[in-house]
Amino acid sequence: MKLLLANPNATEAVTKTCADLARAAAAPVVDSFYGDAMAARPLAQALAALTPVPDGVVLAGFGSYGTAAVKEVLDVPVVGLAEAAMAYAVPLCHRFAIVTTSSRMIAYTEDLVQALGFSARCAAVRAVELPPLGAPEPSAEELVTRLAAEAAATGAEVVILGGSRLSPHAAALRARTALTVVEPVACAVTMAESLARIGLRQSKAGKYARPPRPLADYR
């Protein structure tokens, strides 16, 4: 089985992190609503033209950036990190929390939770402030300490790491907190793999029906 991991962040380091995590499991960075919008069009166009078509697609960013458009144009299962992580979290707890990478992304993530239908199960969205890509990063020890503190402050039972930049710290965080830590890349990869294995994909009977005009007309 072949899964395509498509990263909307035009940053090689983040893409490599996603690929490494995906293998273990089976515009620069999108850091704003504007970044989301700029990532959506080229991502959807590139995936629509993909040959050969993979068995499934994982959109490796914790956001929207054209996920619905990709689901329209592809006939294989398409899974985003956020929707997979929240779907995995729900059976594990009463309420979950999300820790994202910037305070400016809190409102963005809250909108995403609502759009995906998980608002009733989300206790809070918090943030650890990461520097822009290319700037010096905090040490792993410092970042895990901050993640543990933010997760504990939410009162939730499960914490979702809200971004691929946080994913490499999942194991260390699990050793520091009693909360269940949900790493979204592994969730999305295993969900896409399972959907492909049992022959399921997004329905074409309604919301994700193919666009009514030839795709070339939309350029």
N, C-alpha and C. Protein backbone atom coordinates (compact mmCIF):
# COMPACT_ATOMS: atom_id res chain seq x y z
N MET A 1 0.84 -1.18 0.00
CA MET A 1 0.00 0.00 0.00
C MET A 1 0.88 1.25 0.00
N LYS A 2 0.51 2.25 -0.80
CA LYS A 2 1.27 3.49 -0.87
C LYS A 2 0.39 4.67 -0.44
N LEU A 3 0.89 5.41 0.57
CA LEU A 3 0.22 6.62 1.04
C LEU A 3 1.08 7.81 0.65
N LEU A 4 0.44 8.88 0.21
CA LEU A 4 1.14 10.12 -0.06
C LEU A 4 0.98 11.05 1.13
N LEU A 5 2.10 11.56 1.63
CA LEU A 5 2.09 12.53 2.70
C LEU A 5 2.36 13.89 2.07
N ALA A 6 1.34 14.75 2.03
CA ALA A 6 1.46 16.06 1.38
C ALA A 6 1.52 17.14 2.45
N ASN A 7 2.62 17.89 2.47
CA ASN A 7 2.82 18.92 3.48
C ASN A 7 2.54 20.30 2.88
N PRO A 8 1.52 21.04 3.40
CA PRO A 8 1.23 22.37 2.87
C PRO A 8 2.28 23.40 3.27
N ASN A 9 3.10 23.10 4.29
CA ASN A 9 4.17 24.01 4.68
C ASN A 9 5.32 23.88 3.69
N ALA A 10 5.70 24.98 3.05
CA ALA A 10 6.77 24.92 2.06
C ALA A 10 8.13 25.02 2.75
N THR A 11 8.35 24.11 3.68
CA THR A 11 9.57 24.15 4.49
C THR A 11 10.14 22.74 4.55
N GLU A 12 11.37 22.57 4.05
CA GLU A 12 11.95 21.24 3.92
C GLU A 12 12.09 20.53 5.27
N ALA A 13 12.48 21.28 6.30
CA ALA A 13 12.70 20.66 7.61
C ALA A 13 11.41 20.09 8.17
N VAL A 14 10.29 20.84 8.02
CA VAL A 14 9.01 20.35 8.53
C VAL A 14 8.54 19.15 7.71
N THR A 15 8.74 19.20 6.40
CA THR A 15 8.35 18.08 5.54
C THR A 15 9.13 16.82 5.92
N LYS A 16 10.44 16.96 6.16
CA LYS A 16 11.25 15.82 6.55
C LYS A 16 10.76 15.24 7.88
N THR A 17 10.41 16.12 8.82
CA THR A 17 9.89 15.65 10.10
C THR A 17 8.62 14.85 9.89
N CYS A 18 7.71 15.37 9.07
CA CYS A 18 6.45 14.67 8.79
C CYS A 18 6.72 13.30 8.16
N ALA A 19 7.63 13.26 7.19
CA ALA A 19 7.93 12.00 6.51
C ALA A 19 8.53 10.99 7.48
N ASP A 20 9.45 11.44 8.33
CA ASP A 20 10.05 10.53 9.30
C ASP A 20 9.00 9.96 10.25
N LEU A 21 8.09 10.83 10.72
CA LEU A 21 7.04 10.38 11.63
C LEU A 21 6.07 9.44 10.92
N ALA A 22 5.76 9.74 9.66
CA ALA A 22 4.83 8.90 8.91
C ALA A 22 5.38 7.51 8.72
N ARG A 23 6.67 7.41 8.39
CA ARG A 23 7.27 6.09 8.20
C ARG A 23 7.27 5.31 9.51
N ALA A 24 7.49 6.02 10.59
CA ALA A 24 7.48 5.35 11.90
C ALA A 24 6.11 4.86 12.25
N ALA A 25 5.10 5.53 11.79
CA ALA A 25 3.71 5.16 12.10
C ALA A 25 3.23 4.08 11.15
N ALA A 26 3.47 3.63 10.24
CA ALA A 26 2.98 2.50 9.38
C ALA A 26 3.96 1.94 8.51
N ALA A 27 4.29 30.66 0.27
CA ALA A 27 4.01 30.39 1.54
C ALA A 27 4.97 29.74 2.45
N PRO A 28 6.11 29.72 3.24
CA PRO A 28 6.71 28.90 4.26
C PRO A 28 5.66 28.28 5.16
N VAL A 29 5.93 28.17 6.43
CA VAL A 29 5.05 27.49 7.36
C VAL A 29 3.67 28.14 7.40
N VAL A 30 2.62 27.30 7.52
CA VAL A 30 1.27 27.82 7.66
C VAL A 30 1.11 28.32 9.09
N ASP A 31 1.19 29.66 9.25
CA ASP A 31 1.19 30.24 10.58
C ASP A 31 0.14 31.33 10.74
N SER A 32 -0.85 31.36 9.82
CA SER A 32 -1.86 32.42 9.83
C SER A 32 -2.98 32.03 8.87
N PHE A 33 -4.09 32.80 8.91
CA PHE A 33 -5.17 32.57 7.95
C PHE A 33 -4.67 32.84 6.52
N TYR A 34 -3.82 33.86 6.38
CA TYR A 34 -3.28 34.18 5.06
C TYR A 34 -2.41 33.03 4.55
N GLY A 35 -1.56 32.51 5.43
CA GLY A 35 -0.72 31.38 5.05
C GLY A 35 -1.55 30.17 4.64
N ASP A 36 -2.66 29.96 5.34
CA ASP A 36 -3.58 28.87 5.01
C ASP A 36 -4.10 29.05 3.59
N ALA A 37 -4.57 30.26 3.29
CA ALA A 37 -5.14 30.52 1.97
C ALA A 37 -4.10 30.36 0.87
N MET A 38 -2.87 30.82 1.11
CA MET A 38 -1.82 30.72 0.11
C MET A 38 -1.39 29.27 -0.13
N ALA A 39 -1.52 28.43 0.89
CA ALA A 39 -1.13 27.02 0.74
C ALA A 39 -2.16 26.21 -0.02
N ALA A 40 -3.43 26.61 0.06
CA ALA A 40 -4.52 25.76 -0.42
C ALA A 40 -4.48 25.52 -1.93
N ARG A 41 -4.36 26.58 -2.72
CA ARG A 41 -4.47 26.43 -4.17
C ARG A 41 -3.38 25.54 -4.77
N PRO A 42 -2.08 25.83 -4.51
CA PRO A 42 -1.07 24.95 -5.12
C PRO A 42 -1.15 23.51 -4.62
N LEU A 43 -1.54 23.33 -3.37
CA LEU A 43 -1.66 21.96 -2.85
C LEU A 43 -2.75 21.19 -3.60
N ALA A 44 -3.92 21.80 -3.74
CA ALA A 44 -5.03 21.14 -4.42
C ALA A 44 -4.69 20.87 -5.88
N GLN A 45 -4.07 21.83 -6.55
CA GLN A 45 -3.72 21.64 -7.96
C GLN A 45 -2.69 20.52 -8.14
N ALA A 46 -1.70 20.49 -7.28
CA ALA A 46 -0.66 19.48 -7.40
C ALA A 46 -1.22 18.08 -7.17
N LEU A 47 -2.09 17.93 -6.18
CA LEU A 47 -2.63 16.61 -5.88
C LEU A 47 -3.63 16.17 -6.94
N ALA A 48 -4.36 17.11 -7.52
CA ALA A 48 -5.31 16.75 -8.58
C ALA A 48 -4.58 16.19 -9.81
N ALA A 49 -3.34 16.64 -10.04
CA ALA A 49 -2.59 16.22 -11.22
C ALA A 49 -1.68 15.02 -10.94
N LEU A 50 -1.74 14.48 -9.75
CA LEU A 50 -0.82 13.43 -9.34
C LEU A 50 -1.05 12.12 -10.10
N THR A 51 0.03 11.55 -10.64
CA THR A 51 -0.01 10.21 -11.25
C THR A 51 1.27 9.47 -10.90
N PRO A 52 1.19 8.19 -10.58
CA PRO A 52 -0.05 7.45 -10.35
C PRO A 52 -0.70 7.89 -9.04
N VAL A 53 -1.98 7.66 -8.94
CA VAL A 53 -2.72 8.05 -7.74
C VAL A 53 -2.38 7.08 -6.61
N PRO A 54 -2.03 7.58 -5.43
CA PRO A 54 -1.71 6.69 -4.31
C PRO A 54 -2.97 6.04 -3.74
N ASP A 55 -2.79 5.16 -2.78
CA ASP A 55 -3.93 4.51 -2.13
C ASP A 55 -4.64 5.43 -1.15
N GLY A 56 -3.94 6.45 -0.67
CA GLY A 56 -4.53 7.40 0.26
C GLY A 56 -3.62 8.60 0.38
N VAL A 57 -4.17 9.70 0.90
CA VAL A 57 -3.41 10.95 1.04
C VAL A 57 -3.54 11.46 2.46
N VAL A 58 -2.42 11.81 3.06
CA VAL A 58 -2.38 12.47 4.37
C VAL A 58 -1.93 13.90 4.16
N LEU A 59 -2.75 14.85 4.59
CA LEU A 59 -2.39 16.27 4.51
C LEU A 59 -1.72 16.65 5.82
N ALA A 60 -0.40 16.80 5.75
CA ALA A 60 0.41 16.86 6.96
C ALA A 60 0.60 18.28 7.48
N GLY A 61 -0.49 18.90 7.82
CA GLY A 61 -0.46 20.19 8.50
C GLY A 61 -1.69 20.29 9.37
N PHE A 62 -1.58 20.96 10.50
CA PHE A 62 -2.69 21.01 11.45
C PHE A 62 -3.58 22.20 11.12
N GLY A 63 -4.33 22.06 10.01
CA GLY A 63 -5.17 23.17 9.58
C GLY A 63 -6.13 22.75 8.49
N SER A 64 -6.59 23.74 7.72
CA SER A 64 -7.56 23.50 6.67
C SER A 64 -6.89 23.47 5.30
N TYR A 65 -6.39 24.65 4.84
CA TYR A 65 -5.63 24.82 3.59
C TYR A 65 -6.09 23.92 2.45
N GLY A 66 -7.37 23.99 2.13
CA GLY A 66 -7.87 23.30 0.95
C GLY A 66 -8.18 21.83 1.12
N THR A 67 -8.31 21.36 2.36
CA THR A 67 -8.60 19.93 2.56
C THR A 67 -9.87 19.52 1.83
N ALA A 68 -10.92 20.33 1.92
CA ALA A 68 -12.19 19.98 1.25
C ALA A 68 -12.01 19.91 -0.26
N ALA A 69 -11.22 20.82 -0.82
CA ALA A 69 -10.98 20.81 -2.27
C ALA A 69 -10.24 19.55 -2.69
N VAL A 70 -9.26 19.14 -1.90
CA VAL A 70 -8.52 17.91 -2.22
C VAL A 70 -9.45 16.70 -2.14
N LYS A 71 -10.35 16.69 -1.17
CA LYS A 71 -11.30 15.59 -1.05
C LYS A 71 -12.25 15.55 -2.25
N GLU A 72 -12.57 16.72 -2.80
CA GLU A 72 -13.42 16.75 -3.99
C GLU A 72 -12.74 16.11 -5.20
N VAL A 73 -11.47 16.43 -5.40
CA VAL A 73 -10.84 16.06 -6.67
C VAL A 73 -10.21 14.67 -6.65
N LEU A 74 -10.08 14.06 -5.48
CA LEU A 74 -9.47 12.73 -5.41
C LEU A 74 -10.49 11.67 -5.06
N ASP A 75 -10.29 10.48 -5.59
CA ASP A 75 -11.18 9.36 -5.33
C ASP A 75 -10.56 8.34 -4.38
N VAL A 76 -9.54 8.75 -3.64
CA VAL A 76 -8.94 7.93 -2.60
C VAL A 76 -9.13 8.65 -1.27
N PRO A 77 -9.04 7.95 -0.13
CA PRO A 77 -9.25 8.61 1.15
C PRO A 77 -8.22 9.72 1.39
N VAL A 78 -8.72 10.87 1.82
CA VAL A 78 -7.88 12.03 2.14
C VAL A 78 -8.11 12.37 3.60
N VAL A 79 -7.04 12.41 4.38
CA VAL A 79 -7.15 12.62 5.83
C VAL A 79 -6.22 13.75 6.25
N GLY A 80 -6.75 14.71 7.02
CA GLY A 80 -5.95 15.78 7.58
C GLY A 80 -5.51 15.45 9.00
N LEU A 81 -4.41 16.07 9.43
CA LEU A 81 -3.90 15.79 10.77
C LEU A 81 -4.90 16.11 11.85
N ALA A 82 -5.53 17.28 11.78
CA ALA A 82 -6.41 17.73 12.86
C ALA A 82 -7.62 16.82 12.99
N GLU A 83 -8.28 16.50 11.88
CA GLU A 83 -9.47 15.68 11.96
C GLU A 83 -9.16 14.28 12.47
N ALA A 84 -8.00 13.74 12.06
CA ALA A 84 -7.62 12.41 12.54
C ALA A 84 -7.29 12.44 14.03
N ALA A 85 -6.52 13.42 14.46
CA ALA A 85 -6.14 13.50 15.87
C ALA A 85 -7.35 13.63 16.78
N MET A 86 -8.30 14.47 16.40
CA MET A 86 -9.49 14.65 17.23
C MET A 86 -10.38 13.42 17.21
N ALA A 87 -10.48 12.76 16.05
CA ALA A 87 -11.26 11.52 15.98
C ALA A 87 -10.65 10.44 16.87
N TYR A 88 -9.32 10.38 16.93
CA TYR A 88 -8.66 9.41 17.80
C TYR A 88 -8.82 9.78 19.27
N ALA A 89 -8.84 11.06 19.57
CA ALA A 89 -8.91 11.52 20.97
C ALA A 89 -10.26 11.24 21.60
N VAL A 90 -11.32 11.38 20.84
CA VAL A 90 -12.68 11.30 21.40
C VAL A 90 -12.96 10.01 22.16
N PRO A 91 -12.59 8.82 21.68
CA PRO A 91 -12.88 7.61 22.46
C PRO A 91 -12.04 7.47 23.72
N LEU A 92 -11.02 8.32 23.87
CA LEU A 92 -10.07 8.16 24.96
C LEU A 92 -10.34 9.05 26.17
N CYS A 93 -11.35 9.92 26.07
CA CYS A 93 -11.51 10.90 27.14
C CYS A 93 -12.90 11.52 27.13
N HIS A 94 -13.17 12.30 28.19
CA HIS A 94 -14.37 13.13 28.21
C HIS A 94 -14.14 14.38 27.37
N ARG A 95 -12.99 15.06 27.61
CA ARG A 95 -12.65 16.24 26.82
C ARG A 95 -11.14 16.26 26.58
N PHE A 96 -10.76 16.77 25.42
CA PHE A 96 -9.35 16.88 25.05
C PHE A 96 -8.96 18.36 24.96
N ALA A 97 -7.67 18.60 24.94
CA ALA A 97 -7.13 19.94 24.71
C ALA A 97 -6.13 19.88 23.56
N ILE A 98 -5.89 21.01 22.94
CA ILE A 98 -4.91 21.12 21.87
C ILE A 98 -3.88 22.17 22.27
N VAL A 99 -2.61 21.84 22.10
CA VAL A 99 -1.55 22.83 22.29
C VAL A 99 -0.94 23.11 20.93
N THR A 100 -1.00 24.38 20.51
CA THR A 100 -0.48 24.77 19.21
C THR A 100 0.83 25.52 19.38
N THR A 101 1.35 26.05 18.29
CA THR A 101 2.73 26.56 18.28
C THR A 101 2.82 28.08 18.41
N SER A 102 1.70 28.77 18.51
CA SER A 102 1.73 30.23 18.58
C SER A 102 0.39 30.73 19.10
N SER A 103 0.42 31.77 19.91
CA SER A 103 -0.84 32.31 20.44
C SER A 103 -1.74 32.84 19.33
N ARG A 104 -1.16 33.31 18.24
CA ARG A 104 -1.98 33.82 17.14
C ARG A 104 -2.73 32.69 16.44
N MET A 105 -2.30 31.43 16.66
CA MET A 105 -2.97 30.29 16.05
C MET A 105 -4.08 29.71 16.92
N ILE A 106 -4.29 30.28 18.10
CA ILE A 106 -5.34 29.76 18.98
C ILE A 106 -6.71 29.96 18.34
N ALA A 107 -7.02 31.18 17.90
CA ALA A 107 -8.32 31.43 17.27
C ALA A 107 -8.49 30.60 16.00
N TYR A 108 -7.43 30.50 15.21
CA TYR A 108 -7.46 29.66 14.00
C TYR A 108 -7.83 28.22 14.36
N THR A 109 -7.20 27.69 15.40
CA THR A 109 -7.43 26.30 15.79
C THR A 109 -8.83 26.13 16.38
N GLU A 110 -9.30 27.11 17.15
CA GLU A 110 -10.67 27.04 17.68
C GLU A 110 -11.69 27.01 16.54
N ASP A 111 -11.47 27.81 15.51
CA ASP A 111 -12.35 27.77 14.34
C ASP A 111 -12.31 26.40 13.66
N LEU A 112 -11.12 25.83 13.59
CA LEU A 112 -10.95 24.51 12.97
C LEU A 112 -11.69 23.44 13.75
N VAL A 113 -11.57 23.47 15.07
CA VAL A 113 -12.28 22.51 15.93
C VAL A 113 -13.78 22.59 15.68
N GLN A 114 -14.30 23.80 15.61
CA GLN A 114 -15.74 23.98 15.38
C GLN A 114 -16.14 23.47 14.00
N ALA A 115 -15.34 23.81 12.98
CA ALA A 115 -15.67 23.39 11.62
C ALA A 115 -15.69 21.87 11.48
N LEU A 116 -14.84 21.20 12.23
CA LEU A 116 -14.76 19.74 12.16
C LEU A 116 -15.77 19.04 13.07
N GLY A 117 -16.52 19.82 13.87
CA GLY A 117 -17.60 19.25 14.67
C GLY A 117 -17.19 18.71 16.03
N PHE A 118 -16.04 19.16 16.55
CA PHE A 118 -15.54 18.61 17.82
C PHE A 118 -15.60 19.61 18.98
N SER A 119 -16.29 20.72 18.82
CA SER A 119 -16.27 21.77 19.84
C SER A 119 -16.72 21.28 21.20
N ALA A 120 -17.75 20.42 21.24
CA ALA A 120 -18.29 19.97 22.52
C ALA A 120 -17.30 19.12 23.30
N ARG A 121 -16.30 18.58 22.63
CA ARG A 121 -15.34 17.70 23.30
C ARG A 121 -13.98 18.37 23.53
N CYS A 122 -13.84 19.61 23.11
CA CYS A 122 -12.57 20.32 23.24
C CYS A 122 -12.62 21.24 24.46
N ALA A 123 -11.77 20.96 25.45
CA ALA A 123 -11.75 21.75 26.67
C ALA A 123 -11.07 23.09 26.47
N ALA A 124 -10.02 23.13 25.66
CA ALA A 124 -9.25 24.37 25.50
C ALA A 124 -8.26 24.22 24.37
N VAL A 125 -7.87 25.36 23.83
CA VAL A 125 -6.74 25.44 22.92
C VAL A 125 -5.72 26.37 23.55
N ARG A 126 -4.50 25.88 23.74
CA ARG A 126 -3.42 26.65 24.36
C ARG A 126 -2.25 26.72 23.37
N ALA A 127 -1.21 27.46 23.74
CA ALA A 127 -0.07 27.60 22.85
C ALA A 127 1.24 27.65 23.62
N VAL A 128 2.26 27.07 23.03
CA VAL A 128 3.64 27.35 23.41
C VAL A 128 4.22 28.19 22.28
N GLU A 129 4.89 29.25 22.62
CA GLU A 129 5.38 30.17 21.59
C GLU A 129 6.69 29.64 20.99
N LEU A 130 6.61 29.19 19.75
CA LEU A 130 7.81 28.77 19.03
C LEU A 130 8.29 29.92 18.15
N PRO A 131 9.59 30.08 17.99
CA PRO A 131 10.11 31.15 17.13
C PRO A 131 9.82 30.83 15.67
N PRO A 132 9.92 31.84 14.79
CA PRO A 132 9.76 31.57 13.36
C PRO A 132 10.77 30.53 12.91
N LEU A 133 10.40 29.79 11.87
CA LEU A 133 11.32 28.80 11.32
C LEU A 133 12.60 29.49 10.86
N GLY A 134 13.72 28.89 11.17
CA GLY A 134 15.01 29.47 10.84
C GLY A 134 15.65 30.19 12.01
N ALA A 135 14.84 30.58 13.00
CA ALA A 135 15.37 31.20 14.20
C ALA A 135 15.78 30.11 15.19
N PRO A 136 16.64 30.44 16.15
CA PRO A 136 17.05 29.43 17.14
C PRO A 136 15.86 28.84 17.88
N GLU A 137 15.83 27.53 17.99
CA GLU A 137 14.74 26.82 18.65
C GLU A 137 15.04 26.67 20.15
N PRO A 138 14.01 26.62 21.00
CA PRO A 138 14.27 26.29 22.40
C PRO A 138 14.78 24.86 22.51
N SER A 139 15.46 24.55 23.58
CA SER A 139 15.94 23.19 23.78
C SER A 139 14.75 22.24 23.92
N ALA A 140 14.98 20.97 23.61
CA ALA A 140 13.91 19.98 23.75
C ALA A 140 13.39 19.93 25.18
N GLU A 141 14.29 20.02 26.14
CA GLU A 141 13.90 19.97 27.55
C GLU A 141 13.00 21.15 27.91
N GLU A 142 13.38 22.34 27.46
CA GLU A 142 12.56 23.52 27.74
C GLU A 142 11.19 23.42 27.09
N LEU A 143 11.15 22.97 25.84
CA LEU A 143 9.89 22.88 25.12
C LEU A 143 8.96 21.85 25.75
N VAL A 144 9.48 20.69 26.12
CA VAL A 144 8.66 19.66 26.74
C VAL A 144 8.12 20.15 28.09
N THR A 145 8.93 20.87 28.84
CA THR A 145 8.47 21.44 30.12
C THR A 145 7.31 22.40 29.90
N ARG A 146 7.43 23.24 28.88
CA ARG A 146 6.36 24.19 28.57
C ARG A 146 5.11 23.47 28.07
N LEU A 147 5.29 22.45 27.24
CA LEU A 147 4.15 21.66 26.77
C LEU A 147 3.42 21.01 27.93
N ALA A 148 4.17 20.42 28.85
CA ALA A 148 3.55 19.75 30.00
C ALA A 148 2.76 20.74 30.85
N ALA A 149 3.30 21.94 31.04
CA ALA A 149 2.62 22.95 31.85
C ALA A 149 1.33 23.41 31.18
N GLU A 150 1.39 23.67 29.88
CA GLU A 150 0.19 24.11 29.16
C GLU A 150 -0.88 23.02 29.16
N ALA A 151 -0.46 21.77 28.95
CA ALA A 151 -1.41 20.66 28.94
C ALA A 151 -2.09 20.51 30.29
N ALA A 152 -1.32 20.59 31.37
CA ALA A 152 -1.88 20.43 32.71
C ALA A 152 -2.88 21.53 33.03
N ALA A 153 -2.63 22.74 32.53
CA ALA A 153 -3.49 23.88 32.85
C ALA A 153 -4.86 23.81 32.21
N THR A 154 -5.05 22.93 31.23
CA THR A 154 -6.33 22.87 30.52
C THR A 154 -7.40 22.11 31.28
N GLY A 155 -7.00 21.21 32.18
CA GLY A 155 -7.97 20.38 32.88
C GLY A 155 -8.49 19.23 32.04
N ALA A 156 -7.91 19.02 30.86
CA ALA A 156 -8.35 17.93 29.98
C ALA A 156 -7.64 16.63 30.36
N GLU A 157 -8.13 15.55 29.79
CA GLU A 157 -7.53 14.23 30.03
C GLU A 157 -6.59 13.80 28.91
N VAL A 158 -6.77 14.40 27.75
CA VAL A 158 -5.97 14.08 26.57
C VAL A 158 -5.47 15.39 25.99
N VAL A 159 -4.21 15.42 25.55
CA VAL A 159 -3.68 16.59 24.87
C VAL A 159 -3.25 16.20 23.47
N ILE A 160 -3.67 17.00 22.50
CA ILE A 160 -3.29 16.81 21.10
C ILE A 160 -2.20 17.83 20.77
N LEU A 161 -1.12 17.35 20.16
CA LEU A 161 -0.06 18.25 19.73
C LEU A 161 -0.49 18.90 18.42
N GLY A 162 -0.70 20.20 18.46
CA GLY A 162 -1.32 20.90 17.34
C GLY A 162 -0.33 21.42 16.32
N GLY A 163 0.45 20.53 15.75
CA GLY A 163 1.37 20.93 14.71
C GLY A 163 2.52 19.96 14.58
N SER A 164 3.01 19.80 13.35
CA SER A 164 4.09 18.85 13.08
C SER A 164 5.38 19.23 13.79
N ARG A 165 5.57 20.51 14.08
CA ARG A 165 6.79 20.94 14.78
C ARG A 165 6.83 20.40 16.21
N LEU A 166 5.67 20.10 16.77
CA LEU A 166 5.61 19.57 18.13
C LEU A 166 5.68 18.05 18.17
N SER A 167 5.39 17.42 17.04
CA SER A 167 5.27 15.96 17.02
C SER A 167 6.51 15.21 17.49
N PRO A 168 7.72 15.66 17.17
CA PRO A 168 8.89 14.90 17.63
C PRO A 168 9.04 14.84 19.15
N HIS A 169 8.30 15.66 19.87
CA HIS A 169 8.42 15.71 21.33
C HIS A 169 7.34 14.88 22.04
N ALA A 170 6.55 14.12 21.27
CA ALA A 170 5.44 13.37 21.87
C ALA A 170 5.93 12.36 22.90
N ALA A 171 6.95 11.60 22.57
CA ALA A 171 7.41 10.55 23.50
C ALA A 171 7.93 11.16 24.79
N ALA A 172 8.71 12.24 24.70
CA ALA A 172 9.24 12.88 25.91
C ALA A 172 8.11 13.47 26.75
N LEU A 173 7.10 14.01 26.09
CA LEU A 173 5.97 14.57 26.84
C LEU A 173 5.19 13.48 27.56
N ARG A 174 5.04 12.33 26.94
CA ARG A 174 4.33 11.22 27.59
C ARG A 174 5.02 10.80 28.89
N ALA A 175 6.33 10.95 28.93
CA ALA A 175 7.07 10.59 30.14
C ALA A 175 6.95 11.64 31.24
N ARG A 176 6.38 12.82 30.88
CA ARG A 176 6.32 13.92 31.83
C ARG A 176 4.91 14.24 32.31
N THR A 177 3.90 13.59 31.76
CA THR A 177 2.53 13.93 32.10
C THR A 177 1.67 12.69 32.21
N ALA A 178 0.63 12.77 33.04
CA ALA A 178 -0.32 11.67 33.16
C ALA A 178 -1.35 11.70 32.04
N LEU A 179 -1.42 12.81 31.32
CA LEU A 179 -2.37 12.92 30.22
C LEU A 179 -1.95 12.01 29.06
N THR A 180 -2.94 11.52 28.33
CA THR A 180 -2.66 10.81 27.09
C THR A 180 -2.27 11.83 26.03
N VAL A 181 -1.15 11.59 25.37
CA VAL A 181 -0.63 12.52 24.37
C VAL A 181 -0.91 11.97 22.97
N VAL A 182 -1.64 12.73 22.17
CA VAL A 182 -2.01 12.31 20.82
C VAL A 182 -1.12 13.03 19.82
N GLU A 183 -0.37 12.25 19.06
CA GLU A 183 0.53 12.80 18.04
C GLU A 183 -0.18 12.69 16.69
N PRO A 184 -0.44 13.80 16.00
CA PRO A 184 -1.37 13.78 14.87
C PRO A 184 -0.87 13.11 13.60
N VAL A 185 0.43 13.13 13.34
CA VAL A 185 0.91 12.51 12.11
C VAL A 185 0.64 11.01 12.13
N ALA A 186 0.94 10.36 13.23
CA ALA A 186 0.67 8.92 13.34
C ALA A 186 -0.81 8.63 13.22
N CYS A 187 -1.64 9.49 13.82
CA CYS A 187 -3.10 9.29 13.73
C CYS A 187 -3.57 9.36 12.28
N ALA A 188 -3.12 10.37 11.55
CA ALA A 188 -3.58 10.55 10.18
C ALA A 188 -3.08 9.43 9.27
N VAL A 189 -1.83 9.02 9.45
CA VAL A 189 -1.27 7.94 8.62
C VAL A 189 -2.02 6.63 8.85
N THR A 190 -2.24 6.28 10.12
CA THR A 190 -2.92 5.01 10.39
C THR A 190 -4.39 5.06 9.99
N MET A 191 -5.01 6.25 10.09
CA MET A 191 -6.41 6.37 9.64
C MET A 191 -6.50 6.21 8.13
N ALA A 192 -5.63 6.89 7.40
CA ALA A 192 -5.65 6.77 5.93
C ALA A 192 -5.37 5.34 5.50
N GLU A 193 -4.41 4.72 6.16
CA GLU A 193 -4.08 3.33 5.84
C GLU A 193 -5.28 2.42 6.09
N SER A 194 -5.96 2.60 7.21
CA SER A 194 -7.12 1.76 7.54
C SER A 194 -8.26 1.97 6.56
N LEU A 195 -8.53 3.23 6.21
CA LEU A 195 -9.61 3.52 5.25
C LEU A 195 -9.31 2.88 3.91
N ALA A 196 -8.06 3.00 3.45
CA ALA A 196 -7.69 2.39 2.17
C ALA A 196 -7.81 0.87 2.23
N ARG A 197 -7.41 0.30 3.37
CA ARG A 197 -7.39 -1.16 3.50
C ARG A 197 -8.80 -1.76 3.44
N ILE A 198 -9.78 -1.04 4.02
CA ILE A 198 -11.15 -1.58 4.04
C ILE A 198 -12.02 -1.00 2.94
N GLY A 199 -11.40 -0.22 2.03
CA GLY A 199 -12.10 0.24 0.84
C GLY A 199 -13.03 1.41 1.05
N LEU A 200 -12.72 2.29 2.01
CA LEU A 200 -13.55 3.46 2.23
C LEU A 200 -12.86 4.72 1.76
N ARG A 201 -13.67 5.71 1.37
CA ARG A 201 -13.16 7.01 0.95
C ARG A 201 -14.25 8.04 1.25
N GLN A 202 -13.94 9.32 1.08
CA GLN A 202 -14.95 10.35 1.27
C GLN A 202 -16.08 10.14 0.24
N SER A 203 -17.31 10.33 0.69
CA SER A 203 -18.47 10.13 -0.17
C SER A 203 -18.47 11.16 -1.30
N LYS A 204 -18.87 10.70 -2.47
CA LYS A 204 -19.03 11.58 -3.62
C LYS A 204 -20.50 11.90 -3.91
N ALA A 205 -21.35 11.59 -2.94
CA ALA A 205 -22.79 11.79 -3.13
C ALA A 205 -23.26 13.18 -2.72
N GLY A 206 -22.39 13.98 -2.09
CA GLY A 206 -22.83 15.28 -1.61
C GLY A 206 -21.70 16.27 -1.52
N LYS A 207 -21.27 16.55 -0.30
CA LYS A 207 -20.29 17.62 -0.04
C LYS A 207 -19.02 17.48 -0.86
N TYR A 208 -18.51 16.26 -1.01
CA TYR A 208 -17.23 16.05 -1.68
C TYR A 208 -17.38 15.52 -3.10
N ALA A 209 -18.54 15.77 -3.73
CA ALA A 209 -18.70 15.43 -5.15
C ALA A 209 -17.68 16.22 -5.97
N ARG A 210 -17.29 15.67 -7.10
CA ARG A 210 -16.31 16.35 -7.94
C ARG A 210 -16.84 17.71 -8.38
N PRO A 211 -15.97 18.70 -8.57
CA PRO A 211 -16.40 20.02 -9.04
C PRO A 211 -17.19 19.89 -10.34
N PRO A 212 -18.17 20.75 -10.56
CA PRO A 212 -19.07 20.59 -11.71
C PRO A 212 -18.41 20.93 -13.05
N ARG A 213 -17.29 21.66 -13.04
CA ARG A 213 -16.62 22.01 -14.29
C ARG A 213 -15.28 21.29 -14.37
N PRO A 214 -14.72 21.14 -15.58
CA PRO A 214 -13.38 20.56 -15.69
C PRO A 214 -12.39 21.37 -14.85
N LEU A 215 -11.45 20.67 -14.22
CA LEU A 215 -10.54 21.35 -13.31
C LEU A 215 -9.74 22.45 -14.00
N ALA A 216 -9.43 22.28 -15.31
CA ALA A 216 -8.68 23.30 -16.03
C ALA A 216 -9.41 24.64 -16.09
N ASP A 217 -10.73 24.61 -15.96
CA ASP A 217 -11.51 25.86 -16.00
C ASP A 217 -11.32 26.71 -14.77
N TYR A 218 -10.77 26.14 -13.70
CA TYR A 218 -10.63 26.87 -12.45
C TYR A 218 -9.28 27.57 -12.32
N ARG A 219 -8.40 27.40 -13.27
CA ARG A 219 -7.05 27.97 -13.15
C ARG A 219 -7.09 29.49 -13.36
